[in-house]
């Protein structure tokens, strides 16, 4: 990124060399190499997320989904990793491995779903954070309601 001052300074030099502004006193503009480095980008982190939703499944359902996801990762390294013959995951092999886990883990939260029928709206937000982001539930709370 070029600091704005370097750009403004160059325009200022061009304007001062022509037209009525040429007789005005010239201001020394720092060269790009003399300018201080821009500050480092701020790092942002968080320890938890608060969300307000219309409905949630039982915590046990999400924990079962977590267990199935963990088993999938543990058992599917071959289909998830890039090989010399393919870049990226083996989607067909991954789907077969996921379906095979249903015998031991069932189909918590999602039920039996055809990936082609998936839509982006009206999804369970906790399920999406577990599946898509790889997050895990570390705590829960119950209100009086």
N, C-alpha and C. Protein backbone atom coordinates (compact mmCIF):
# COMPACT_ATOMS: atom_id res chain seq x y z
N UNK A 1 0.83 -1.18 0.00
CA UNK A 1 0.00 0.00 0.00
C UNK A 1 0.87 1.24 0.00
N UNK A 2 0.51 2.21 -0.80
CA UNK A 2 1.23 3.47 -0.85
C UNK A 2 0.56 4.43 0.11
N UNK A 3 1.32 4.99 1.07
CA UNK A 3 0.69 5.93 1.99
C UNK A 3 0.10 7.11 1.22
N UNK A 4 -1.04 7.62 1.63
CA UNK A 4 -1.69 8.72 0.91
C UNK A 4 -0.79 9.94 0.76
N UNK A 5 0.07 10.21 1.73
CA UNK A 5 0.94 11.38 1.68
C UNK A 5 1.85 11.34 0.47
N UNK A 6 2.35 10.17 0.11
CA UNK A 6 3.24 10.06 -1.05
C UNK A 6 2.49 10.45 -2.31
N UNK A 7 1.26 10.02 -2.46
CA UNK A 7 0.46 10.36 -3.63
C UNK A 7 0.12 11.84 -3.64
N UNK A 8 -0.35 12.37 -2.50
CA UNK A 8 -0.71 13.78 -2.41
C UNK A 8 0.52 14.64 -2.64
N UNK A 9 1.66 14.20 -2.09
CA UNK A 9 2.88 14.97 -2.26
C UNK A 9 3.29 15.05 -3.72
N UNK A 10 3.19 13.99 -4.49
CA UNK A 10 3.55 13.98 -5.90
C UNK A 10 2.62 14.89 -6.69
N UNK A 11 1.32 14.85 -6.41
CA UNK A 11 0.37 15.76 -7.07
C UNK A 11 0.72 17.19 -6.71
N UNK A 12 1.09 17.44 -5.45
CA UNK A 12 1.46 18.78 -5.02
C UNK A 12 2.67 19.28 -5.81
N UNK A 13 3.67 18.43 -6.02
CA UNK A 13 4.85 18.82 -6.79
C UNK A 13 4.48 19.17 -8.22
N UNK A 14 3.61 18.39 -8.84
CA UNK A 14 3.20 18.66 -10.21
C UNK A 14 2.45 19.97 -10.31
N UNK A 15 1.57 20.22 -9.35
CA UNK A 15 0.80 21.47 -9.37
C UNK A 15 1.70 22.67 -9.14
N UNK A 16 2.71 22.53 -8.30
CA UNK A 16 3.59 23.66 -7.99
C UNK A 16 4.51 24.00 -9.16
N UNK A 17 4.76 23.06 -10.05
CA UNK A 17 5.69 23.33 -11.14
C UNK A 17 5.02 24.01 -12.33
N UNK A 18 3.69 24.12 -12.34
CA UNK A 18 2.99 24.77 -13.44
C UNK A 18 1.89 25.67 -12.90
N UNK A 19 1.51 26.62 -13.67
CA UNK A 19 0.37 27.46 -13.33
C UNK A 19 0.68 28.48 -12.24
N UNK A 20 -0.36 29.14 -11.70
CA UNK A 20 -0.18 30.21 -10.73
C UNK A 20 0.48 29.75 -9.43
N UNK A 21 0.34 28.50 -9.12
CA UNK A 21 0.93 28.02 -7.87
C UNK A 21 2.45 27.91 -7.96
N UNK A 22 3.02 28.04 -9.15
CA UNK A 22 4.47 27.90 -9.32
C UNK A 22 5.24 28.96 -8.56
N UNK A 23 4.66 30.13 -8.35
CA UNK A 23 5.37 31.19 -7.64
C UNK A 23 5.25 31.04 -6.13
N UNK A 24 4.37 30.16 -5.65
CA UNK A 24 4.21 29.95 -4.21
C UNK A 24 5.43 29.23 -3.66
N UNK A 25 5.71 29.41 -2.37
CA UNK A 25 6.87 28.70 -1.79
C UNK A 25 6.67 27.19 -1.89
N UNK A 26 7.73 26.51 -2.22
CA UNK A 26 7.66 25.06 -2.40
C UNK A 26 7.85 24.37 -1.06
N UNK A 27 7.05 23.38 -0.85
CA UNK A 27 7.14 22.58 0.36
C UNK A 27 7.88 21.28 0.02
N UNK A 28 8.83 20.92 0.84
CA UNK A 28 9.54 19.67 0.59
C UNK A 28 8.63 18.51 0.96
N UNK A 29 8.49 17.60 0.02
CA UNK A 29 7.66 16.43 0.24
C UNK A 29 8.59 15.23 0.38
N UNK A 30 8.32 14.43 1.39
CA UNK A 30 9.16 13.25 1.64
C UNK A 30 9.05 12.28 0.48
N UNK A 31 10.16 11.71 0.10
CA UNK A 31 10.15 10.67 -0.90
C UNK A 31 9.57 9.40 -0.26
N UNK A 32 9.06 8.52 -1.10
CA UNK A 32 8.45 7.29 -0.59
C UNK A 32 9.45 6.51 0.25
N UNK A 33 10.72 6.48 -0.18
CA UNK A 33 11.73 5.71 0.54
C UNK A 33 12.05 6.34 1.91
N UNK A 34 11.74 7.64 2.09
CA UNK A 34 12.01 8.31 3.36
C UNK A 34 10.83 8.21 4.33
N UNK A 35 9.70 7.79 3.83
CA UNK A 35 8.51 7.77 4.66
C UNK A 35 8.55 6.60 5.63
N UNK A 36 7.98 6.78 6.83
CA UNK A 36 7.96 5.67 7.77
C UNK A 36 7.06 4.56 7.26
N UNK A 37 7.39 3.35 7.67
CA UNK A 37 6.58 2.19 7.27
C UNK A 37 5.18 2.33 7.86
N UNK A 38 4.17 1.91 7.12
CA UNK A 38 2.82 1.97 7.67
C UNK A 38 2.73 1.05 8.89
N UNK A 39 1.86 1.38 9.84
CA UNK A 39 1.75 0.53 11.02
C UNK A 39 1.26 -0.87 10.64
N UNK A 40 1.66 -1.84 11.42
CA UNK A 40 1.24 -3.23 11.17
C UNK A 40 -0.27 -3.33 11.36
N UNK A 41 -0.87 -4.23 10.62
CA UNK A 41 -2.30 -4.46 10.76
C UNK A 41 -2.60 -4.95 12.17
N UNK A 42 -3.67 -4.47 12.72
CA UNK A 42 -4.08 -4.91 14.04
C UNK A 42 -4.52 -6.37 13.98
N UNK A 43 -4.17 -7.11 14.99
CA UNK A 43 -4.64 -8.49 15.06
C UNK A 43 -5.91 -8.51 15.90
N UNK A 44 -6.85 -9.28 15.46
CA UNK A 44 -8.13 -9.37 16.15
C UNK A 44 -8.34 -10.82 16.55
N UNK A 45 -8.76 -11.02 17.76
CA UNK A 45 -9.07 -12.37 18.21
C UNK A 45 -10.26 -12.30 19.15
N UNK A 46 -10.88 -13.42 19.38
CA UNK A 46 -12.00 -13.48 20.29
C UNK A 46 -12.02 -14.83 20.95
N UNK A 47 -12.69 -14.90 22.07
CA UNK A 47 -12.70 -16.16 22.81
C UNK A 47 -14.05 -16.85 22.76
N UNK A 48 -15.08 -16.15 22.36
CA UNK A 48 -16.41 -16.76 22.30
C UNK A 48 -17.33 -15.92 21.43
N UNK A 49 -18.44 -16.50 21.06
CA UNK A 49 -19.42 -15.81 20.21
C UNK A 49 -20.78 -15.86 20.91
N UNK A 50 -21.46 -14.74 20.95
CA UNK A 50 -22.84 -14.69 21.47
C UNK A 50 -23.77 -14.50 20.29
N UNK A 51 -24.79 -15.32 20.18
CA UNK A 51 -25.77 -15.18 19.11
C UNK A 51 -27.16 -15.35 19.70
N UNK A 52 -28.10 -14.65 19.12
CA UNK A 52 -29.49 -14.78 19.51
C UNK A 52 -30.23 -15.36 18.32
N UNK A 53 -30.82 -16.53 18.50
CA UNK A 53 -31.48 -17.22 17.41
C UNK A 53 -32.89 -17.61 17.82
N UNK A 54 -33.72 -17.90 16.84
CA UNK A 54 -35.10 -18.28 17.11
C UNK A 54 -35.21 -19.67 17.73
N UNK A 55 -34.33 -20.57 17.34
CA UNK A 55 -34.41 -21.93 17.90
C UNK A 55 -33.04 -22.58 17.82
N UNK A 56 -32.85 -23.54 18.71
CA UNK A 56 -31.63 -24.35 18.74
C UNK A 56 -32.03 -25.80 18.98
N UNK A 57 -31.18 -26.70 18.51
CA UNK A 57 -31.37 -28.11 18.83
C UNK A 57 -30.85 -28.34 20.25
N UNK A 58 -31.08 -29.53 20.75
CA UNK A 58 -30.53 -29.90 22.05
C UNK A 58 -29.01 -29.99 21.96
N UNK A 59 -28.33 -29.65 23.02
CA UNK A 59 -26.87 -29.67 23.06
C UNK A 59 -26.34 -31.06 22.69
N UNK A 60 -27.01 -32.10 23.11
CA UNK A 60 -26.56 -33.46 22.82
C UNK A 60 -26.51 -33.72 21.31
N UNK A 61 -27.45 -33.14 20.56
CA UNK A 61 -27.44 -33.31 19.10
C UNK A 61 -26.19 -32.70 18.48
N UNK A 62 -25.82 -31.51 18.95
CA UNK A 62 -24.62 -30.86 18.43
C UNK A 62 -23.37 -31.64 18.84
N UNK A 63 -23.37 -32.19 20.04
CA UNK A 63 -22.21 -32.98 20.49
C UNK A 63 -22.06 -34.25 19.66
N UNK A 64 -23.17 -34.85 19.27
CA UNK A 64 -23.12 -36.03 18.39
C UNK A 64 -22.56 -35.64 17.02
N UNK A 65 -22.96 -34.48 16.51
CA UNK A 65 -22.43 -34.01 15.22
C UNK A 65 -20.93 -33.75 15.34
N UNK A 66 -20.51 -33.14 16.43
CA UNK A 66 -19.07 -32.92 16.65
C UNK A 66 -18.31 -34.25 16.63
N UNK A 67 -18.85 -35.25 17.30
CA UNK A 67 -18.18 -36.56 17.34
C UNK A 67 -18.07 -37.15 15.93
N UNK A 68 -19.12 -37.01 15.13
CA UNK A 68 -19.07 -37.54 13.76
C UNK A 68 -18.07 -36.75 12.92
N UNK A 69 -18.04 -35.44 13.07
CA UNK A 69 -17.08 -34.63 12.32
C UNK A 69 -15.64 -34.98 12.72
N UNK A 70 -15.40 -35.16 14.00
CA UNK A 70 -14.05 -35.54 14.46
C UNK A 70 -13.65 -36.90 13.92
N UNK A 71 -14.59 -37.85 13.92
CA UNK A 71 -14.31 -39.18 13.36
C UNK A 71 -14.03 -39.09 11.86
N UNK A 72 -14.74 -38.22 11.17
CA UNK A 72 -14.54 -38.03 9.74
C UNK A 72 -13.12 -37.55 9.45
N UNK A 73 -12.68 -36.56 10.18
CA UNK A 73 -11.33 -36.03 9.97
C UNK A 73 -10.27 -37.09 10.32
N UNK A 74 -10.50 -37.80 11.42
CA UNK A 74 -9.53 -38.83 11.84
C UNK A 74 -9.42 -39.96 10.82
N UNK A 75 -10.53 -40.32 10.19
CA UNK A 75 -10.51 -41.49 9.29
C UNK A 75 -10.35 -41.15 7.82
N UNK A 76 -10.33 -39.89 7.46
CA UNK A 76 -10.40 -39.53 6.03
C UNK A 76 -9.22 -38.74 5.52
N UNK A 77 -8.06 -38.90 6.12
CA UNK A 77 -6.89 -38.13 5.65
C UNK A 77 -6.60 -38.37 4.18
N UNK A 78 -6.75 -39.59 3.72
CA UNK A 78 -6.42 -39.93 2.33
C UNK A 78 -7.32 -39.18 1.34
N UNK A 79 -8.59 -39.00 1.67
CA UNK A 79 -9.49 -38.33 0.72
C UNK A 79 -9.47 -36.82 0.89
N UNK A 80 -8.97 -36.33 2.00
CA UNK A 80 -8.96 -34.89 2.24
C UNK A 80 -7.70 -34.19 1.74
N UNK A 81 -6.62 -34.92 1.61
CA UNK A 81 -5.35 -34.30 1.25
C UNK A 81 -5.07 -34.33 -0.24
N UNK A 82 -4.32 -33.34 -0.70
CA UNK A 82 -3.88 -33.28 -2.08
C UNK A 82 -2.87 -34.39 -2.34
N UNK A 83 -2.94 -34.99 -3.49
CA UNK A 83 -1.97 -36.03 -3.87
C UNK A 83 -1.27 -35.60 -5.16
N UNK A 84 -0.35 -36.43 -5.61
CA UNK A 84 0.35 -36.12 -6.86
C UNK A 84 -0.59 -36.21 -8.06
N UNK A 85 -1.68 -36.96 -7.93
CA UNK A 85 -2.61 -37.12 -9.06
C UNK A 85 -3.82 -36.19 -8.99
N UNK A 86 -3.99 -35.47 -7.85
CA UNK A 86 -5.15 -34.57 -7.74
C UNK A 86 -4.83 -33.43 -6.79
N UNK A 87 -5.39 -32.26 -7.09
CA UNK A 87 -5.26 -31.10 -6.22
C UNK A 87 -6.56 -30.97 -5.43
N UNK A 88 -6.44 -30.91 -4.11
CA UNK A 88 -7.62 -30.77 -3.28
C UNK A 88 -8.18 -32.11 -2.84
N UNK A 89 -9.34 -32.03 -2.22
CA UNK A 89 -9.97 -33.23 -1.67
C UNK A 89 -10.65 -34.06 -2.74
N UNK A 90 -10.76 -35.34 -2.47
CA UNK A 90 -11.52 -36.26 -3.32
C UNK A 90 -12.96 -36.20 -2.83
N UNK A 91 -13.79 -35.43 -3.51
CA UNK A 91 -15.17 -35.19 -3.06
C UNK A 91 -15.98 -36.47 -3.05
N UNK A 92 -15.86 -37.30 -4.08
CA UNK A 92 -16.61 -38.56 -4.14
C UNK A 92 -16.18 -39.48 -3.00
N UNK A 93 -14.88 -39.58 -2.78
CA UNK A 93 -14.37 -40.41 -1.69
C UNK A 93 -14.77 -39.86 -0.32
N UNK A 94 -14.76 -38.55 -0.20
CA UNK A 94 -15.17 -37.92 1.05
C UNK A 94 -16.63 -38.16 1.36
N UNK A 95 -17.47 -38.07 0.34
CA UNK A 95 -18.90 -38.34 0.52
C UNK A 95 -19.12 -39.79 0.96
N UNK A 96 -18.41 -40.72 0.35
CA UNK A 96 -18.53 -42.13 0.72
C UNK A 96 -18.08 -42.35 2.16
N UNK A 97 -16.98 -41.70 2.57
CA UNK A 97 -16.50 -41.83 3.94
C UNK A 97 -17.50 -41.25 4.93
N UNK A 98 -18.13 -40.12 4.58
CA UNK A 98 -19.13 -39.50 5.45
C UNK A 98 -20.35 -40.42 5.61
N UNK A 99 -20.81 -41.00 4.52
CA UNK A 99 -21.98 -41.89 4.58
C UNK A 99 -21.65 -43.16 5.38
N UNK A 100 -20.44 -43.63 5.27
CA UNK A 100 -20.03 -44.84 6.01
C UNK A 100 -20.07 -44.59 7.52
N UNK A 101 -19.78 -43.37 7.95
CA UNK A 101 -19.80 -43.05 9.38
C UNK A 101 -21.21 -43.06 9.97
N UNK A 102 -22.23 -43.03 9.12
CA UNK A 102 -23.61 -43.03 9.62
C UNK A 102 -23.93 -44.30 10.40
N UNK A 103 -23.28 -45.41 10.08
CA UNK A 103 -23.57 -46.65 10.80
C UNK A 103 -23.15 -46.55 12.26
N UNK A 104 -22.08 -45.84 12.55
CA UNK A 104 -21.61 -45.69 13.92
C UNK A 104 -22.14 -44.44 14.61
N UNK A 105 -22.37 -43.37 13.83
CA UNK A 105 -22.72 -42.08 14.42
C UNK A 105 -24.12 -41.59 14.07
N UNK A 106 -24.80 -42.25 13.16
CA UNK A 106 -26.10 -41.77 12.73
C UNK A 106 -25.94 -40.52 11.86
N UNK A 107 -26.99 -39.74 11.76
CA UNK A 107 -26.97 -38.48 11.01
C UNK A 107 -27.47 -37.36 11.92
N UNK A 108 -26.70 -37.01 12.96
CA UNK A 108 -27.15 -35.99 13.90
C UNK A 108 -27.29 -34.62 13.24
N UNK A 109 -28.31 -33.91 13.64
CA UNK A 109 -28.62 -32.55 13.17
C UNK A 109 -29.06 -32.51 11.71
N UNK A 110 -28.27 -33.07 10.84
CA UNK A 110 -28.53 -32.92 9.41
C UNK A 110 -29.58 -33.89 8.89
N UNK A 111 -29.67 -35.07 9.47
CA UNK A 111 -30.51 -36.11 8.88
C UNK A 111 -29.83 -36.60 7.61
N UNK A 112 -30.50 -37.44 6.85
CA UNK A 112 -29.97 -37.91 5.57
C UNK A 112 -30.25 -36.82 4.55
N UNK A 113 -29.20 -36.25 3.99
CA UNK A 113 -29.34 -35.08 3.11
C UNK A 113 -28.61 -35.32 1.79
N UNK A 114 -29.24 -34.96 0.71
CA UNK A 114 -28.61 -34.97 -0.61
C UNK A 114 -27.87 -33.64 -0.77
N UNK A 115 -26.55 -33.65 -0.94
CA UNK A 115 -25.81 -32.38 -1.07
C UNK A 115 -26.33 -31.49 -2.20
N UNK A 116 -26.88 -32.09 -3.26
CA UNK A 116 -27.39 -31.29 -4.38
C UNK A 116 -28.63 -30.50 -3.99
N UNK A 117 -29.32 -30.93 -2.93
CA UNK A 117 -30.55 -30.24 -2.50
C UNK A 117 -30.28 -29.16 -1.46
N UNK A 118 -29.03 -28.94 -1.08
CA UNK A 118 -28.68 -27.97 -0.04
C UNK A 118 -28.99 -26.55 -0.50
N UNK A 119 -29.52 -25.74 0.40
CA UNK A 119 -29.73 -24.31 0.14
C UNK A 119 -29.06 -23.52 1.24
N UNK A 120 -28.69 -22.31 0.96
CA UNK A 120 -27.98 -21.48 1.91
C UNK A 120 -28.85 -20.79 2.94
N UNK A 121 -30.13 -20.74 2.73
CA UNK A 121 -31.00 -20.04 3.68
C UNK A 121 -31.66 -21.01 4.65
N UNK A 122 -32.10 -20.47 5.77
CA UNK A 122 -32.80 -21.23 6.81
C UNK A 122 -31.96 -22.39 7.36
N UNK A 123 -30.69 -22.17 7.52
CA UNK A 123 -29.80 -23.20 8.07
C UNK A 123 -29.62 -22.97 9.58
N UNK A 124 -29.34 -24.00 10.30
CA UNK A 124 -29.04 -23.94 11.73
C UNK A 124 -27.65 -23.32 11.88
N UNK A 125 -27.57 -22.18 12.57
CA UNK A 125 -26.31 -21.45 12.63
C UNK A 125 -25.24 -22.23 13.40
N UNK A 126 -25.61 -22.94 14.44
CA UNK A 126 -24.62 -23.72 15.20
C UNK A 126 -24.09 -24.86 14.34
N UNK A 127 -24.97 -25.54 13.65
CA UNK A 127 -24.56 -26.62 12.75
C UNK A 127 -23.58 -26.10 11.70
N UNK A 128 -23.87 -24.92 11.15
CA UNK A 128 -23.00 -24.35 10.12
C UNK A 128 -21.63 -24.00 10.67
N UNK A 129 -21.57 -23.49 11.91
CA UNK A 129 -20.27 -23.17 12.51
C UNK A 129 -19.47 -24.45 12.79
N UNK A 130 -20.16 -25.51 13.17
CA UNK A 130 -19.48 -26.78 13.42
C UNK A 130 -18.93 -27.37 12.12
N UNK A 131 -19.77 -27.41 11.09
CA UNK A 131 -19.40 -28.07 9.84
C UNK A 131 -18.49 -27.19 8.98
N UNK A 132 -18.90 -25.98 8.71
CA UNK A 132 -18.17 -25.14 7.75
C UNK A 132 -16.91 -24.52 8.33
N UNK A 133 -16.96 -24.09 9.58
CA UNK A 133 -15.80 -23.41 10.17
C UNK A 133 -14.92 -24.32 11.00
N UNK A 134 -15.43 -25.52 11.32
CA UNK A 134 -14.64 -26.43 12.13
C UNK A 134 -14.60 -26.04 13.60
N UNK A 135 -15.50 -25.16 14.02
CA UNK A 135 -15.54 -24.76 15.42
C UNK A 135 -16.11 -25.88 16.26
N UNK A 136 -15.87 -25.82 17.56
CA UNK A 136 -16.42 -26.78 18.50
C UNK A 136 -17.06 -26.03 19.66
N UNK A 137 -18.06 -26.63 20.26
CA UNK A 137 -18.77 -26.03 21.38
C UNK A 137 -17.94 -26.27 22.63
N UNK A 138 -17.67 -25.20 23.36
CA UNK A 138 -16.88 -25.33 24.59
C UNK A 138 -17.69 -25.01 25.83
N UNK A 139 -18.92 -24.54 25.67
CA UNK A 139 -19.75 -24.24 26.82
C UNK A 139 -21.14 -23.89 26.38
N UNK A 140 -22.06 -23.93 27.32
CA UNK A 140 -23.45 -23.55 27.02
C UNK A 140 -24.07 -23.05 28.30
N UNK A 141 -25.18 -22.35 28.17
CA UNK A 141 -25.89 -21.82 29.33
C UNK A 141 -27.38 -21.93 29.13
N UNK A 142 -28.10 -22.03 30.23
CA UNK A 142 -29.55 -22.14 30.17
C UNK A 142 -30.16 -20.93 30.87
N UNK A 143 -31.08 -20.25 30.23
CA UNK A 143 -31.74 -19.10 30.84
C UNK A 143 -33.01 -19.56 31.55
N UNK A 144 -33.64 -18.64 32.26
CA UNK A 144 -34.86 -18.97 32.99
C UNK A 144 -36.03 -19.26 32.06
N UNK A 145 -35.97 -18.77 30.84
CA UNK A 145 -37.08 -18.98 29.90
C UNK A 145 -37.07 -20.35 29.38
